[in-house]
Amino acid sequence: MRKKIMSVVSNIRTKSSILSSGALCAAGLMALSACSFTGTSDIENPLVRKGSWFSFINADDIRTACSAGDAEGRIRIVYNADYYKETRSYDLIPRNGAEQFEMVSRIFGPLDVSEVNVEVTAPLGAFGGTESRENLSRGQYLALTDALQADGFGYQSRDGLRLHSDDYYWVAIGCSSQSITLAAWASTKDDLRALTFPNVLENLSGLEKTLPQPPAFGAPKQPDPFFSKNDKKAESRHFYRTVRGNQLK
């Protein structure tokens, strides 16, 4: 793991409609992993996102390109701030021979589900999206990767860690030398407020809304005031992913 993330930085330092397919997956309320996210998928479309979220958060599109040698230096970071309240994603894409980078930042938040044909209580239901795009210098990119490494990216051993949709967690996935590195930080295991890379990320991003504050480490989880603890649909609403090696399953 250490060699992989170090090679990401080393290589960078030394190098001077989806609507229709998404609707089919979502409208049918099939398995959440039924649709694969690709580079041309519109993740801001709530129907596409509903059907391909597991693929997106696992960076399946980056994995495919990485194995082909076409994603050197690509990074995707996802912040789950209690999924049904707010989720964010950040994609870093090398440009011009890794001398510049594009960062695509997105916020996914609740949307009036009457606008689309899905249930509010269904997992990965309808959410709108806010997007911002920035051009980063190599120095800015390296500042972020340095912060990620300081927080454990490339050094972790998190096999078996469960990431629950109603908790707070970060996931970072990067490609280097045709290999994938995955790191995860969860409020159930980590002090998310002590992480350094979120501040770097927020300063680089053009999103105006501030990052949702994670709960204090060790604080008891508060019940969601919107849903009753006896809600019989809770199991269908909430979901989780499990870290298995460098995959989320």
Protein backbone atom coordinates (compact mmCIF):
# COMPACT_ATOMS: atom_id res chain seq x y z
CA MET A 1 0.00 0.00 0.00
CA ARG A 2 2.76 2.47 0.88
CA LYS A 3 4.57 1.88 -2.40
CA LYS A 4 1.42 2.52 -4.37
CA ILE A 5 0.63 5.95 -2.94
CA MET A 6 4.26 6.97 -2.92
CA SER A 7 4.47 6.13 -6.60
CA VAL A 8 1.46 8.33 -7.29
CA VAL A 9 3.32 11.32 -5.90
CA SER A 10 6.66 10.27 -7.35
CA ASN A 11 5.28 9.89 -10.85
CA ILE A 12 3.52 13.26 -10.66
CA ARG A 13 6.57 15.05 -9.31
CA THR A 14 8.77 13.70 -12.06
CA LYS A 15 6.36 14.22 -14.93
CA SER A 16 6.74 17.84 -16.22
CA SER A 17 -27.07 9.56 -21.79
CA ILE A 18 -26.74 7.58 -20.00
CA LEU A 19 -30.10 8.91 -18.75
CA SER A 20 -31.92 6.09 -20.48
CA SER A 21 -29.75 3.34 -19.06
CA GLY A 22 -29.78 4.96 -15.63
CA ALA A 23 -33.56 5.30 -15.73
CA LEU A 24 -33.91 1.61 -16.48
CA CYS A 25 -31.77 0.71 -13.49
CA ALA A 26 -33.42 3.14 -11.11
CA ALA A 27 -37.04 2.98 -12.21
CA GLY A 28 -36.99 -0.78 -11.91
CA LEU A 29 -35.60 -0.50 -8.37
CA MET A 30 -33.28 -3.38 -9.17
CA ALA A 31 -30.12 -4.25 -7.26
CA LEU A 32 -28.19 -1.12 -6.38
CA SER A 33 -25.04 -2.42 -8.01
CA ALA A 34 -26.81 -3.40 -11.23
CA CYS A 35 -25.37 -0.53 -13.27
CA SER A 36 -21.70 0.28 -13.73
CA PHE A 37 -20.54 3.88 -13.61
CA THR A 38 -18.48 4.89 -16.64
CA GLY A 39 -16.64 8.02 -17.65
CA THR A 40 -19.66 9.17 -19.66
CA SER A 41 -22.26 8.54 -16.93
CA ASP A 42 -24.08 11.62 -15.64
CA ILE A 43 -23.66 11.17 -11.90
CA GLU A 44 -25.59 14.39 -11.26
CA ASN A 45 -28.70 12.77 -12.69
CA PRO A 46 -30.51 11.28 -9.67
CA LEU A 47 -31.75 8.31 -11.68
CA VAL A 48 -28.28 7.45 -12.94
CA ARG A 49 -26.81 7.94 -9.48
CA LYS A 50 -29.43 5.73 -7.88
CA GLY A 51 -28.52 2.83 -10.14
CA SER A 52 -24.74 3.27 -10.19
CA TRP A 53 -23.76 4.75 -6.82
CA PHE A 54 -21.98 1.65 -5.56
CA SER A 55 -19.98 1.55 -8.79
CA PHE A 56 -19.20 5.28 -8.54
CA ILE A 57 -18.02 5.20 -4.93
CA ASN A 58 -15.84 2.18 -5.75
CA ALA A 59 -14.40 4.17 -8.68
CA ASP A 60 -15.05 1.37 -11.16
CA ASP A 61 -14.49 3.78 -14.05
CA ILE A 62 -11.06 4.76 -12.68
CA ARG A 63 -10.20 1.11 -12.04
CA THR A 64 -10.96 0.19 -15.65
CA ALA A 65 -8.88 3.07 -17.00
CA CYS A 66 -6.12 2.40 -14.46
CA SER A 67 -5.66 -1.21 -15.52
CA ALA A 68 -5.30 0.03 -19.10
CA GLY A 69 -2.69 2.61 -18.09
CA ASP A 70 -4.99 5.56 -18.78
CA ALA A 71 -5.64 6.94 -15.28
CA GLU A 72 -2.23 7.76 -13.81
CA GLY A 73 -2.69 10.22 -10.95
CA ARG A 74 -6.50 10.06 -10.98
CA ILE A 75 -8.08 10.36 -7.54
CA ARG A 76 -11.70 10.23 -6.40
CA ILE A 77 -12.67 11.31 -2.91
CA VAL A 78 -16.18 10.83 -1.52
CA TYR A 79 -17.55 12.34 1.68
CA ASN A 80 -20.67 10.69 3.10
CA ALA A 81 -22.14 13.14 5.61
CA ASP A 82 -25.14 10.96 6.47
CA TYR A 83 -26.15 9.99 2.94
CA TYR A 84 -29.71 11.30 3.00
CA LYS A 85 -28.55 14.67 4.26
CA GLU A 86 -25.50 15.38 2.09
CA THR A 87 -22.83 13.58 0.11
CA ARG A 88 -19.89 15.09 -1.79
CA SER A 89 -17.45 13.85 -4.39
CA TYR A 90 -14.17 15.24 -5.67
CA ASP A 91 -12.48 14.00 -8.83
CA LEU A 92 -8.89 15.00 -9.62
CA ILE A 93 -7.90 14.52 -13.25
CA PRO A 94 -4.37 15.14 -14.62
CA ARG A 95 -4.12 17.44 -17.65
CA ASN A 96 -1.23 18.56 -19.85
CA GLY A 97 1.12 15.77 -18.87
CA ALA A 98 0.30 16.12 -15.16
CA GLU A 99 1.47 19.74 -15.10
CA GLN A 100 -2.10 20.83 -14.38
CA PHE A 101 -5.11 19.13 -12.86
CA GLU A 102 -8.84 19.55 -13.09
CA MET A 103 -10.85 19.11 -9.91
CA VAL A 104 -14.56 18.42 -10.26
CA SER A 105 -16.40 18.94 -6.97
CA ARG A 106 -20.02 17.92 -6.47
CA ILE A 107 -22.61 18.18 -3.71
CA PHE A 108 -25.52 15.76 -3.71
CA GLY A 109 -28.39 16.75 -1.45
CA PRO A 110 -32.08 16.01 -0.95
CA LEU A 111 -34.40 16.73 -3.85
CA ASP A 112 -38.19 16.74 -3.94
CA VAL A 113 -38.80 13.16 -5.00
CA SER A 114 -42.12 14.10 -6.57
CA GLU A 115 -40.02 15.28 -9.50
CA VAL A 116 -38.84 11.77 -10.32
CA ASN A 117 -40.40 8.35 -10.15
CA VAL A 118 -38.66 6.89 -7.10
CA GLU A 119 -39.59 6.47 -3.45
CA VAL A 120 -38.18 8.78 -0.79
CA THR A 121 -37.44 5.83 1.49
CA ALA A 122 -35.76 3.72 -1.18
CA PRO A 123 -31.97 3.40 -0.88
CA LEU A 124 -30.04 5.91 -2.99
CA GLY A 125 -33.21 7.87 -3.72
CA ALA A 126 -33.49 11.11 -5.68
CA PHE A 127 -30.86 13.75 -5.02
CA GLY A 128 -29.92 16.85 -6.94
CA GLY A 129 -26.36 17.89 -7.65
CA THR A 130 -24.23 21.04 -7.48
CA GLU A 131 -20.99 21.05 -9.45
CA SER A 132 -17.85 23.20 -9.46
CA ARG A 133 -14.76 22.84 -11.67
CA GLU A 134 -11.33 24.25 -10.88
CA ASN A 135 -7.91 24.09 -12.52
CA LEU A 136 -5.18 23.17 -10.05
CA SER A 137 -1.44 23.53 -10.33
CA ARG A 138 0.84 20.58 -9.75
CA GLY A 139 1.81 22.15 -6.43
CA GLN A 140 -1.81 22.32 -5.31
CA TYR A 141 -2.36 18.70 -6.31
CA LEU A 142 0.74 17.62 -4.38
CA ALA A 143 -0.41 19.60 -1.33
CA LEU A 144 -3.57 17.51 -1.32
CA THR A 145 -1.78 14.19 -1.85
CA ASP A 146 0.67 15.08 0.92
CA ALA A 147 -2.26 15.76 3.27
CA LEU A 148 -3.90 12.48 2.26
CA GLN A 149 -0.70 10.59 3.01
CA ALA A 150 -0.36 12.33 6.37
CA ASP A 151 -3.84 11.04 7.20
CA GLY A 152 -2.99 7.47 6.19
CA PHE A 153 -3.67 7.19 2.47
CA GLY A 154 -1.46 4.37 1.26
CA TYR A 155 -0.65 3.15 4.77
CA GLN A 156 -3.98 1.89 6.06
CA SER A 157 -5.22 -1.60 6.78
CA ARG A 158 -9.00 -1.31 6.91
CA ASP A 159 -10.13 -4.68 5.61
CA GLY A 160 -13.59 -5.47 6.95
CA LEU A 161 -14.47 -1.87 7.87
CA ARG A 162 -18.16 -1.18 7.28
CA LEU A 163 -19.22 2.21 5.95
CA HIS A 164 -22.85 2.86 6.84
CA SER A 165 -24.97 5.31 4.86
CA ASP A 166 -26.33 6.99 8.00
CA ASP A 167 -22.82 7.63 9.37
CA TYR A 168 -20.05 10.03 8.35
CA TYR A 169 -17.09 8.73 6.37
CA TRP A 170 -14.50 9.58 3.74
CA VAL A 171 -13.28 7.31 0.93
CA ALA A 172 -10.28 8.08 -1.31
CA ILE A 173 -9.28 5.97 -4.30
CA GLY A 174 -6.25 6.69 -6.50
CA CYS A 175 -4.44 5.17 -9.47
CA SER A 176 -0.68 4.85 -9.87
CA SER A 177 1.40 2.55 -12.07
CA GLN A 178 -1.76 0.67 -13.06
CA SER A 179 -2.51 -0.12 -9.42
CA ILE A 180 -5.32 1.10 -7.18
CA THR A 181 -4.98 2.43 -3.63
CA LEU A 182 -8.03 2.79 -1.39
CA ALA A 183 -8.31 4.52 1.98
CA ALA A 184 -11.33 4.98 4.23
CA TRP A 185 -12.01 6.96 7.40
CA ALA A 186 -15.23 6.39 9.34
CA SER A 187 -16.74 8.25 12.28
CA THR A 188 -17.11 4.91 14.06
CA LYS A 189 -13.33 4.36 13.98
CA ASP A 190 -11.60 7.69 13.34
CA ASP A 191 -11.66 11.25 14.63
CA LEU A 192 -12.81 12.83 11.37
CA ARG A 193 -12.40 16.32 12.81
CA ALA A 194 -8.66 15.68 13.23
CA LEU A 195 -8.08 14.86 9.55
CA THR A 196 -6.02 17.41 7.63
CA PHE A 197 -6.90 16.69 4.01
CA PRO A 198 -10.55 17.87 4.22
CA ASN A 199 -9.39 21.44 4.94
CA VAL A 200 -6.98 21.34 2.00
CA LEU A 201 -9.73 19.93 -0.19
CA GLU A 202 -12.23 22.58 0.86
CA ASN A 203 -9.76 25.39 0.18
CA LEU A 204 -9.06 24.06 -3.32
CA SER A 205 -12.69 23.46 -4.20
CA GLY A 206 -14.93 26.16 -5.62
CA LEU A 207 -17.98 24.92 -3.73
CA GLU A 208 -19.35 27.78 -1.64
CA LYS A 209 -21.19 25.68 0.94
CA THR A 210 -18.98 24.67 3.85
CA LEU A 211 -18.28 21.02 4.58
CA PRO A 212 -20.76 19.41 6.97
CA GLN A 213 -19.17 19.00 10.37
CA PRO A 214 -18.73 15.35 11.36
CA PRO A 215 -19.72 14.27 14.87
CA ALA A 216 -17.17 14.47 17.65
CA PHE A 217 -15.18 11.27 17.99
CA GLY A 218 -16.79 8.93 20.49
CA ALA A 219 -20.01 10.93 20.71
CA PRO A 220 -23.15 8.76 20.95
CA LYS A 221 -25.09 8.62 17.73
CA GLN A 222 -28.23 10.74 17.78
CA PRO A 223 -31.46 9.35 16.29
CA ASP A 224 -32.58 10.92 13.05
CA PRO A 225 -35.52 13.22 13.96
CA PHE A 226 -37.08 12.69 10.54
CA PHE A 227 -37.39 8.92 10.82
CA SER A 228 -38.75 6.98 13.77
CA LYS A 229 -36.46 4.38 15.33
CA ASN A 230 -39.35 1.96 14.84
CA ASP A 231 -39.61 2.76 11.15
CA LYS A 232 -40.23 -0.57 9.44
CA LYS A 233 -38.63 0.68 6.21
CA ALA A 234 -35.30 1.52 7.84
CA GLU A 235 -33.62 -1.59 6.47
CA SER A 236 -34.54 -0.71 2.90
CA ARG A 237 -33.52 2.91 3.34
CA HIS A 238 -30.06 2.44 4.84
CA PHE A 239 -27.16 0.54 3.31
CA TYR A 240 -23.46 -0.02 3.82
CA ARG A 241 -20.28 -0.85 1.94
CA THR A 242 -17.47 -3.01 3.33
CA VAL A 243 -13.76 -2.49 2.67
CA ARG A 244 -12.33 -5.67 1.14
CA GLY A 245 -8.71 -5.17 0.19
CA ASN A 246 -8.75 -2.22 -2.22
CA GLN A 247 -12.44 -2.67 -3.05
CA LEU A 248 -15.75 -1.56 -1.56
CA LYS A 249 -18.23 -4.42 -1.60
